[in-house]
PDB file of N, CA and C in Angstrom:
ATOM      1  N   MET A   1      47.312  90.785  99.039  1.00  0.00           N
ATOM      2  CA  MET A   1      47.870  89.438  98.613  1.00  0.00           C
ATOM      3  C   MET A   1      49.255  89.847  97.672  1.00  0.00           C
ATOM      4  N   LYS A   2      49.326  90.722  96.830  1.00  0.00           N
ATOM      5  CA  LYS A   2      49.786  90.711  95.792  1.00  0.00           C
ATOM      6  C   LYS A   2      51.648  91.162  96.643  1.00  0.00           C
ATOM      7  N   HIS A   3      51.072  91.803  97.881  1.00  0.00           N
ATOM      8  CA  HIS A   3      52.120  92.640  98.892  1.00  0.00           C
ATOM      9  C   HIS A   3      52.976  91.264  99.527  1.00  0.00           C
ATOM     10  N   ILE A   4      52.069  90.133  99.840  1.00  0.00           N
ATOM     11  CA  ILE A   4      52.772  88.974 100.421  1.00  0.00           C
ATOM     12  C   ILE A   4      53.439  88.500  99.158  1.00  0.00           C
ATOM     13  N   LEU A   5      52.733  87.915  98.028  1.00  0.00           N
ATOM     14  CA  LEU A   5      54.045  87.675  96.928  1.00  0.00           C
ATOM     15  C   LEU A   5      54.726  88.148  96.934  1.00  0.00           C
ATOM     16  N   LYS A   6      54.898  89.602  96.740  1.00  0.00           N
ATOM     17  CA  LYS A   6      56.115  90.433  96.291  1.00  0.00           C
ATOM     18  C   LYS A   6      57.285  89.872  97.590  1.00  0.00           C
ATOM     19  N   LYS A   7      56.774  90.019  98.721  1.00  0.00           N
ATOM     20  CA  LYS A   7      57.696  89.630 100.036  1.00  0.00           C
ATOM     21  C   LYS A   7      58.322  88.529  99.956  1.00  0.00           C
ATOM     22  N   GLN A   8      56.946  87.373  99.374  1.00  0.00           N
ATOM     23  CA  GLN A   8      58.030  85.976  99.327  1.00  0.00           C
ATOM     24  C   GLN A   8      59.404  86.082  98.215  1.00  0.00           C
ATOM     25  N   MET A   9      59.070  86.521  97.012  1.00  0.00           N
ATOM     26  CA  MET A   9      59.467  86.559  95.870  1.00  0.00           C
ATOM     27  C   MET A   9      61.177  87.260  96.403  1.00  0.00           C
ATOM     28  N   LEU A  10      60.900  88.021  97.328  1.00  0.00           N
ATOM     29  CA  LEU A  10      62.286  89.298  97.227  1.00  0.00           C
ATOM     30  C   LEU A  10      63.042  87.958  98.434  1.00  0.00           C
ATOM     31  N   TRP A  11      62.309  87.379  99.404  1.00  0.00           N
ATOM     32  CA  TRP A  11      63.037  86.687 100.492  1.00  0.00           C
ATOM     33  C   TRP A  11      63.490  85.339  99.736  1.00  0.00           C
ATOM     34  N   ALA A  12      62.897  84.660  98.474  1.00  0.00           N
ATOM     35  CA  ALA A  12      63.121  83.998  97.483  1.00  0.00           C
ATOM     36  C   ALA A  12      64.475  84.082  97.030  1.00  0.00           C
ATOM     37  N   LEU A  13      64.741  85.451  96.381  1.00  0.00           N
ATOM     38  CA  LEU A  13      65.517  86.293  96.039  1.00  0.00           C
ATOM     39  C   LEU A  13      66.774  86.190  96.230  1.00  0.00           C
ATOM     40  N   LEU A  14      66.328  86.922  97.365  1.00  0.00           N
ATOM     41  CA  LEU A  14      68.043  87.341  98.695  1.00  0.00           C
ATOM     42  C   LEU A  14      68.608  85.769  99.241  1.00  0.00           C
ATOM     43  N   LEU A  15      67.441  84.397  99.211  1.00  0.00           N
ATOM     44  CA  LEU A  15      68.196  83.389  99.699  1.00  0.00           C
ATOM     45  C   LEU A  15      69.027  82.757  98.163  1.00  0.00           C
ATOM     46  N   VAL A  16      68.284  83.113  97.305  1.00  0.00           N
ATOM     47  CA  VAL A  16      69.329  81.900  96.459  1.00  0.00           C
ATOM     48  C   VAL A  16      70.595  83.207  95.487  1.00  0.00           C
ATOM     49  N   MET A  17      70.485  84.249  95.995  1.00  0.00           N
ATOM     50  CA  MET A  17      71.905  84.888  96.022  1.00  0.00           C
ATOM     51  C   MET A  17      72.816  84.842  97.131  1.00  0.00           C
ATOM     52  N   THR A  18      72.343  84.540  98.281  1.00  0.00           N
ATOM     53  CA  THR A  18      72.808  84.073  99.479  1.00  0.00           C
ATOM     54  C   THR A  18      73.918  82.956  99.461  1.00  0.00           C
ATOM     55  N   PHE A  19      72.871  81.947  99.261  1.00  0.00           N
ATOM     56  CA  PHE A  19      73.434  80.713  98.779  1.00  0.00           C
ATOM     57  C   PHE A  19      74.304  80.370  97.630  1.00  0.00           C
ATOM     58  N   SER A  20      74.066  81.128  96.616  1.00  0.00           N
ATOM     59  CA  SER A  20      74.800  80.477  95.191  1.00  0.00           C
ATOM     60  C   SER A  20      76.078  81.207  94.997  1.00  0.00           C
ATOM     61  N   SER A  21      76.843  81.529  96.130  1.00  0.00           N
ATOM     62  CA  SER A  21      78.348  82.580  95.605  1.00  0.00           C
ATOM     63  C   SER A  21      79.269  81.388  95.363  1.00  0.00           C
ATOM     64  N   CYS A  22      80.316  81.634  94.955  1.00  0.00           N
ATOM     65  CA  CYS A  22      81.421  81.098  94.545  1.00  0.00           C
ATOM     66  C   CYS A  22      82.306  80.911  95.082  1.00  0.00           C
ATOM     67  N   SER A  23      82.876  79.970  95.641  1.00  0.00           N
ATOM     68  CA  SER A  23      83.691  79.763  96.825  1.00  0.00           C
ATOM     69  C   SER A  23      85.093  79.617  96.593  1.00  0.00           C
ATOM     70  N   ASP A  24      85.567  79.572  95.135  1.00  0.00           N
ATOM     71  CA  ASP A  24      86.965  79.941  94.648  1.00  0.00           C
ATOM     72  C   ASP A  24      87.832  81.381  95.332  1.00  0.00           C
ATOM     73  N   PHE A  25      86.982  82.053  95.180  1.00  0.00           N
ATOM     74  CA  PHE A  25      87.020  83.615  95.337  1.00  0.00           C
ATOM     75  C   PHE A  25      87.763  83.663  96.693  1.00  0.00           C
ATOM     76  N   LEU A  26      87.428  83.122  97.726  1.00  0.00           N
ATOM     77  CA  LEU A  26      87.511  82.843  99.406  1.00  0.00           C
ATOM     78  C   LEU A  26      88.850  82.611  99.501  1.00  0.00           C
ATOM     79  N   ASP A  27      89.442  81.457  98.667  1.00  0.00           N
ATOM     80  CA  ASP A  27      90.286  80.642  98.758  1.00  0.00           C
ATOM     81  C   ASP A  27      91.953  81.505  98.686  1.00  0.00           C
ATOM     82  N   LYS A  28      91.669  82.228  97.704  1.00  0.00           N
ATOM     83  CA  LYS A  28      92.923  83.583  96.913  1.00  0.00           C
ATOM     84  C   LYS A  28      93.261  84.095  97.949  1.00  0.00           C
ATOM     85  N   LEU A  29      94.645  84.587  98.368  1.00  0.00           N
ATOM     86  CA  LEU A  29      94.798  85.374  99.160  1.00  0.00           C
ATOM     87  C   LEU A  29      95.100  86.974  98.626  1.00  0.00           C
ATOM     88  N   PRO A  30      95.156  87.561  99.353  1.00  0.00           N
ATOM     89  CA  PRO A  30      95.111  89.028  98.843  1.00  0.00           C
ATOM     90  C   PRO A  30      96.667  89.184  98.485  1.00  0.00           C
ATOM     91  N   GLU A  31      96.366  90.095  97.182  1.00  0.00           N
ATOM     92  CA  GLU A  31      97.822  90.319  96.890  1.00  0.00           C
ATOM     93  C   GLU A  31      98.724  91.158  97.588  1.00  0.00           C
ATOM     94  N   ASN A  32      98.473  92.118  98.540  1.00  0.00           N
ATOM     95  CA  ASN A  32      99.476  92.974  99.210  1.00  0.00           C
ATOM     96  C   ASN A  32      99.441  91.965 100.665  1.00  0.00           C
ATOM     97  N   ARG A  33      99.182  90.837 100.599  1.00  0.00           N
ATOM     98  CA  ARG A  33      99.647  90.170 102.105  1.00  0.00           C
ATOM     99  C   ARG A  33     100.251  88.682 102.125  1.00  0.00           C
ATOM    100  N   VAL A  34     101.176  88.563 102.685  1.00  0.00           N
ATOM    101  CA  VAL A  34     102.051  87.581 102.649  1.00  0.00           C
ATOM    102  C   VAL A  34     102.167  86.788 103.797  1.00  0.00           C
ATOM    103  N   GLU A  35     101.945  85.331 103.666  1.00  0.00           N
ATOM    104  CA  GLU A  35     101.901  84.463 104.934  1.00  0.00           C
ATOM    105  C   GLU A  35     103.216  84.269 105.699  1.00  0.00           C
ATOM    106  N   ALA A  36     102.959  84.459 107.033  1.00  0.00           N
ATOM    107  CA  ALA A  36     104.198  84.298 107.742  1.00  0.00           C
ATOM    108  C   ALA A  36     105.176  83.083 107.526  1.00  0.00           C
ATOM    109  N   GLU A  37     104.862  81.837 107.253  1.00  0.00           N
ATOM    110  CA  GLU A  37     105.018  80.945 106.931  1.00  0.00           C
ATOM    111  C   GLU A  37     105.772  80.690 106.013  1.00  0.00           C
ATOM    112  N   LEU A  38     105.752  81.494 104.519  1.00  0.00           N
ATOM    113  CA  LEU A  38     106.227  81.575 103.387  1.00  0.00           C
ATOM    114  C   LEU A  38     107.481  82.052 103.217  1.00  0.00           C
ATOM    115  N   VAL A  39     107.568  82.998 104.545  1.00  0.00           N
ATOM    116  CA  VAL A  39     108.558  84.396 104.523  1.00  0.00           C
ATOM    117  C   VAL A  39     110.211  83.415 104.910  1.00  0.00           C
ATOM    118  N   ASP A  40     111.447  83.013 104.309  1.00  0.00           N
ATOM    119  CA  ASP A  40     112.145  82.618 105.161  1.00  0.00           C
ATOM    120  C   ASP A  40     113.053  83.591 105.952  1.00  0.00           C
ATOM    121  N   TYR A  41     112.837  83.438 107.535  1.00  0.00           N
ATOM    122  CA  TYR A  41     113.658  84.725 107.699  1.00  0.00           C
ATOM    123  C   TYR A  41     115.220  84.421 107.942  1.00  0.00           C
ATOM    124  N   THR A  42     115.645  83.485 107.381  1.00  0.00           N
ATOM    125  CA  THR A  42     117.255  83.060 107.473  1.00  0.00           C
ATOM    126  C   THR A  42     117.986  84.073 106.283  1.00  0.00           C
ATOM    127  N   LYS A  43     117.188  84.031 105.408  1.00  0.00           N
ATOM    128  CA  LYS A  43     117.569  85.057 104.568  1.00  0.00           C
ATOM    129  C   LYS A  43     117.272  86.760 104.671  1.00  0.00           C
ATOM    130  N   THR A  44     118.415  87.566 104.642  1.00  0.00           N
ATOM    131  CA  THR A  44     117.952  88.845 104.859  1.00  0.00           C
ATOM    132  C   THR A  44     117.366  89.664 103.853  1.00  0.00           C
ATOM    133  N   SER A  45     117.268  89.475 102.795  1.00  0.00           N
ATOM    134  CA  SER A  45     116.856  90.231 101.353  1.00  0.00           C
ATOM    135  C   SER A  45     115.315  89.583 101.626  1.00  0.00           C
ATOM    136  N   ASP A  46     115.112  88.311 102.298  1.00  0.00           N
ATOM    137  CA  ASP A  46     113.254  88.190 102.499  1.00  0.00           C
ATOM    138  C   ASP A  46     113.006  88.617 103.620  1.00  0.00           C
ATOM    139  N   MET A  47     113.752  89.463 104.517  1.00  0.00           N
ATOM    140  CA  MET A  47     113.142  89.839 105.800  1.00  0.00           C
ATOM    141  C   MET A  47     112.593  91.053 105.545  1.00  0.00           C
ATOM    142  N   TYR A  48     113.197  92.056 104.480  1.00  0.00           N
ATOM    143  CA  TYR A  48     112.646  93.478 104.248  1.00  0.00           C
ATOM    144  C   TYR A  48     111.193  93.516 103.574  1.00  0.00           C
ATOM    145  N   MET A  49     110.907  92.491 103.311  1.00  0.00           N
ATOM    146  CA  MET A  49     109.108  92.954 102.627  1.00  0.00           C
ATOM    147  C   MET A  49     108.254  92.851 103.770  1.00  0.00           C
ATOM    148  N   PRO A  50     108.207  91.973 104.433  1.00  0.00           N
ATOM    149  CA  PRO A  50     107.317  91.983 105.680  1.00  0.00           C
ATOM    150  C   PRO A  50     107.407  93.350 106.615  1.00  0.00           C
ATOM    151  N   VAL A  51     108.599  93.710 107.005  1.00  0.00           N
ATOM    152  CA  VAL A  51     109.262  95.278 107.643  1.00  0.00           C
ATOM    153  C   VAL A  51     109.014  96.359 106.901  1.00  0.00           C
ATOM    154  N   SER A  52     109.482  95.963 105.574  1.00  0.00           N
ATOM    155  CA  SER A  52     108.490  97.494 104.928  1.00  0.00           C
ATOM    156  C   SER A  52     107.165  97.362 104.737  1.00  0.00           C
ATOM    157  N   GLY A  53     106.585  96.589 104.546  1.00  0.00           N
ATOM    158  CA  GLY A  53     105.073  96.650 104.991  1.00  0.00           C
ATOM    159  C   GLY A  53     104.580  97.124 106.286  1.00  0.00           C
ATOM    160  N   THR A  54     104.754  96.604 107.210  1.00  0.00           N
ATOM    161  CA  THR A  54     104.544  97.468 108.314  1.00  0.00           C
ATOM    162  C   THR A  54     104.853  98.719 108.273  1.00  0.00           C
ATOM    163  N   TYR A  55     106.138  99.374 108.177  1.00  0.00           N
ATOM    164  CA  TYR A  55     106.399 100.564 107.643  1.00  0.00           C
ATOM    165  C   TYR A  55     105.384 101.516 106.763  1.00  0.00           C
ATOM    166  N   ALA A  56     104.781 101.018 105.774  1.00  0.00           N
ATOM    167  CA  ALA A  56     104.415 101.916 105.030  1.00  0.00           C
ATOM    168  C   ALA A  56     102.806 101.920 105.650  1.00  0.00           C
ATOM    169  N   VAL A  57     102.431 100.677 106.272  1.00  0.00           N
ATOM    170  CA  VAL A  57     100.875 100.909 107.150  1.00  0.00           C
ATOM    171  C   VAL A  57     101.095 102.016 108.200  1.00  0.00           C
ATOM    172  N   ALA A  58     102.456 101.842 109.361  1.00  0.00           N
ATOM    173  CA  ALA A  58     102.700 103.110 110.417  1.00  0.00           C
ATOM    174  C   ALA A  58     102.836 104.586 109.720  1.00  0.00           C
ATOM    175  N   ARG A  59     103.496 104.771 108.637  1.00  0.00           N
ATOM    176  CA  ARG A  59     103.940 105.999 108.022  1.00  0.00           C
ATOM    177  C   ARG A  59     101.919 106.448 107.690  1.00  0.00           C
ATOM    178  N   THR A  60     101.665 106.112 107.431  1.00  0.00           N
ATOM    179  CA  THR A  60      99.855 106.162 106.868  1.00  0.00           C
ATOM    180  C   THR A  60      99.171 106.397 108.198  1.00  0.00           C
ATOM    181  N   LYS A  61      98.962 105.219 109.253  1.00  0.00           N
ATOM    182  CA  LYS A  61      97.856 105.170 109.893  1.00  0.00           C
ATOM    183  C   LYS A  61      98.051 105.994 111.289  1.00  0.00           C
ATOM    184  N   PHE A  62      99.909 105.070 111.829  1.00  0.00           N
ATOM    185  CA  PHE A  62     100.072 105.415 113.026  1.00  0.00           C
ATOM    186  C   PHE A  62     100.245 106.899 113.276  1.00  0.00           C
ATOM    187  N   SER A  63     100.465 107.423 112.464  1.00  0.00           N
ATOM    188  CA  SER A  63     100.993 109.333 112.281  1.00  0.00           C
ATOM    189  C   SER A  63      99.706 109.858 112.576  1.00  0.00           C
ATOM    190  N   ALA A  64      98.522 109.502 112.283  1.00  0.00           N
ATOM    191  CA  ALA A  64      97.204 110.633 112.352  1.00  0.00           C
ATOM    192  C   ALA A  64      97.049 110.785 113.746  1.00  0.00           C
ATOM    193  N   TRP A  65      97.243 110.306 115.027  1.00  0.00           N
ATOM    194  CA  TRP A  65      97.215 110.913 116.283  1.00  0.00           C
ATOM    195  C   TRP A  65      98.292 112.073 116.503  1.00  0.00           C
ATOM    196  N   MET A  66      98.689 112.453 116.139  1.00  0.00           N
ATOM    197  CA  MET A  66      99.471 113.836 116.175  1.00  0.00           C
ATOM    198  C   MET A  66      98.677 114.825 115.786  1.00  0.00           C
ATOM    199  N   ALA A  67      98.002 114.664 114.677  1.00  0.00           N
ATOM    200  CA  ALA A  67      96.930 115.682 114.111  1.00  0.00           C
ATOM    201  C   ALA A  67      96.237 115.888 115.168  1.00  0.00           C
ATOM    202  N   PHE A  68      95.336 115.137 116.055  1.00  0.00           N
ATOM    203  CA  PHE A  68      94.639 115.617 116.821  1.00  0.00           C
ATOM    204  C   PHE A  68      95.145 116.001 118.279  1.00  0.00           C
ATOM    205  N   GLY A  69      96.062 115.729 118.467  1.00  0.00           N
ATOM    206  CA  GLY A  69      96.892 116.341 119.522  1.00  0.00           C
ATOM    207  C   GLY A  69      97.301 117.566 119.209  1.00  0.00           C
ATOM    208  N   LEU A  70      97.520 118.150 118.308  1.00  0.00           N
ATOM    209  CA  LEU A  70      98.084 119.480 117.922  1.00  0.00           C
ATOM    210  C   LEU A  70      97.116 120.322 117.258  1.00  0.00           C
ATOM    211  N   ILE A  71      96.254 119.849 116.558  1.00  0.00           N
ATOM    212  CA  ILE A  71      95.334 120.867 115.786  1.00  0.00           C
ATOM    213  C   ILE A  71      94.203 120.852 117.103  1.00  0.00           C
ATOM    214  N   ALA A  72      93.420 120.197 117.320  1.00  0.00           N
ATOM    215  CA  ALA A  72      92.292 120.259 118.130  1.00  0.00           C
ATOM    216  C   ALA A  72      92.304 120.261 119.549  1.00  0.00           C
ATOM    217  N   VAL A  73      93.108 119.728 120.181  1.00  0.00           N
ATOM    218  CA  VAL A  73      93.237 119.464 121.355  1.00  0.00           C
ATOM    219  C   VAL A  73      93.789 121.017 122.184  1.00  0.00           C
ATOM    220  N   ARG A  74      94.652 121.392 121.505  1.00  0.00           N
ATOM    221  CA  ARG A  74      95.210 122.537 122.084  1.00  0.00           C
ATOM    222  C   ARG A  74      95.076 123.627 121.893  1.00  0.00           C
ATOM    223  N   GLY A  75      94.031 124.278 120.943  1.00  0.00           N
ATOM    224  CA  GLY A  75      93.478 125.426 120.200  1.00  0.00           C
ATOM    225  C   GLY A  75      92.547 125.547 121.807  1.00  0.00           C
ATOM    226  N   ASP A  76      91.833 126.683 121.487  1.00  0.00           N
ATOM    227  CA  ASP A  76      90.096 127.045 121.543  1.00  0.00           C
ATOM    228  C   ASP A  76      88.941 126.338 121.320  1.00  0.00           C
ATOM    229  N   ASP A  77      89.098 125.912 120.210  1.00  0.00           N
ATOM    230  CA  ASP A  77      88.251 125.713 119.553  1.00  0.00           C
ATOM    231  C   ASP A  77      87.467 124.156 119.323  1.00  0.00           C
ATOM    232  N   VAL A  78      87.702 123.429 120.354  1.00  0.00           N
ATOM    233  CA  VAL A  78      87.483 121.725 121.165  1.00  0.00           C
ATOM    234  C   VAL A  78      86.165 121.697 121.276  1.00  0.00           C
ATOM    235  N   ASP A  79      85.551 122.759 121.971  1.00  0.00           N
ATOM    236  CA  ASP A  79      83.869 122.887 122.075  1.00  0.00           C
ATOM    237  C   ASP A  79      83.228 124.275 121.736  1.00  0.00           C
ATOM    238  N   LYS A  80      82.197 124.211 121.145  1.00  0.00           N
ATOM    239  CA  LYS A  80      81.632 125.492 121.417  1.00  0.00           C
ATOM    240  C   LYS A  80      81.371 126.715 122.490  1.00  0.00           C
ATOM    241  N   GLY A  81      81.727 127.889 122.477  1.00  0.00           N
ATOM    242  CA  GLY A  81      81.612 128.444 123.517  1.00  0.00           C
ATOM    243  C   GLY A  81      83.254 128.279 125.075  1.00  0.00           C
ATOM    244  N   SER A  82      84.130 127.831 124.270  1.00  0.00           N
ATOM    245  CA  SER A  82      85.304 127.797 125.072  1.00  0.00           C
ATOM    246  C   SER A  82      86.445 128.746 125.674  1.00  0.00           C
ATOM    247  N   SER A  83      85.775 130.110 124.604  1.00  0.00           N
ATOM    248  CA  SER A  83      86.368 131.585 124.880  1.00  0.00           C
ATOM    249  C   SER A  83      84.874 132.370 125.320  1.00  0.00           C
ATOM    250  N   PRO A  84      85.341 133.478 126.158  1.00  0.00           N
ATOM    251  CA  PRO A  84      84.017 134.177 126.395  1.00  0.00           C
ATOM    252  C   PRO A  84      83.340 134.902 125.429  1.00  0.00           C
ATOM    253  N   THR A  85      84.572 135.004 124.352  1.00  0.00           N
ATOM    254  CA  THR A  85      83.307 135.881 123.146  1.00  0.00           C
ATOM    255  C   THR A  85      82.961 135.199 122.383  1.00  0.00           C
ATOM    256  N   ASP A  86      83.107 133.802 122.159  1.00  0.00           N
ATOM    257  CA  ASP A  86      82.208 132.659 121.510  1.00  0.00           C
ATOM    258  C   ASP A  86      80.762 133.038 121.960  1.00  0.00           C
ATOM    259  N   GLN A  87      80.262 133.568 123.038  1.00  0.00           N
ATOM    260  CA  GLN A  87      78.893 133.371 123.480  1.00  0.00           C
ATOM    261  C   GLN A  87      78.195 134.768 123.548  1.00  0.00           C
ATOM    262  N   ILE A  88      76.885 134.956 123.156  1.00  0.00           N
ATOM    263  CA  ILE A  88      76.256 135.644 123.502  1.00  0.00           C
ATOM    264  C   ILE A  88      76.244 136.331 124.546  1.00  0.00           C
ATOM    265  N   GLU A  89      76.294 137.702 124.839  1.00  0.00           N
ATOM    266  CA  GLU A  89      76.590 138.620 126.168  1.00  0.00           C
ATOM    267  C   GLU A  89      74.916 138.227 126.699  1.00  0.00           C
ATOM    268  N   PHE A  90      74.921 138.302 128.151  1.00  0.00           N
ATOM    269  CA  PHE A  90      73.824 138.113 128.975  1.00  0.00           C
ATOM    270  C   PHE A  90      73.821 139.873 129.403  1.00  0.00           C
ATOM    271  N   LYS A  91      72.536 140.301 128.428  1.00  0.00           N
ATOM    272  CA  LYS A  91      72.158 141.755 129.184  1.00  0.00           C
ATOM    273  C   LYS A  91      71.030 141.936 130.372  1.00  0.00           C
ATOM    274  N   TYR A  92      71.334 142.775 131.424  1.00  0.00           N
ATOM    275  CA  TYR A  92      70.468 142.569 132.613  1.00  0.00           C
ATOM    276  C   TYR A  92      69.511 143.930 132.130  1.00  0.00           C
ATOM    277  N   THR A  93      69.152 144.072 131.183  1.00  0.00           N
ATOM    278  CA  THR A  93      68.411 145.436 130.623  1.00  0.00           C
ATOM    279  C   THR A  93      66.753 145.102 131.003  1.00  0.00           C
ATOM    280  N   ARG A  94      66.233 143.613 131.174  1.00  0.00           N
ATOM    281  CA  ARG A  94      65.348 143.762 131.267  1.00  0.00           C
ATOM    282  C   ARG A  94      64.920 143.053 132.639  1.00  0.00           C
ATOM    283  N   TRP A  95      66.341 143.038 133.773  1.00  0.00           N
ATOM    284  CA  TRP A  95      65.785 142.727 134.884  1.00  0.00           C
ATOM    285  C   TRP A  95      65.128 143.902 135.637  1.00  0.00           C
ATOM    286  N   ARG A  96      64.099 143.994 136.794  1.00  0.00           N
ATOM    287  CA  ARG A  96      63.901 145.513 137.365  1.00  0.00           C
ATOM    288  C   ARG A  96      63.805 144.619 138.822  1.00  0.00           C
ATOM    289  N   ASN A  97      63.514 145.848 139.626  1.00  0.00           N
ATOM    290  CA  ASN A  97      63.415 145.359 141.087  1.00  0.00           C
ATOM    291  C   ASN A  97      62.406 145.586 141.731  1.00  0.00           C
TER     292      ASN A  97
END
């Protein structure tokens, strides 16, 4: 009986926590984002901000594909047993005619 009461109290607490959140936080824009409608693309000075943000993301995220191609795929360490010296030699001493 105590376990059922504890489960009911836990579910009630979870429901109260879920439905009692504040909605003001959801209306705020992130600090590092600008809406496309707010940027005046007729001014050259206003166009640099979105472009520099795109290049900042590209500099950190889009260059990671090179590490996979240069480090992992071209070496012989892609998977275990890729070179003959990685595996145990099979000795034929136990075989008899």
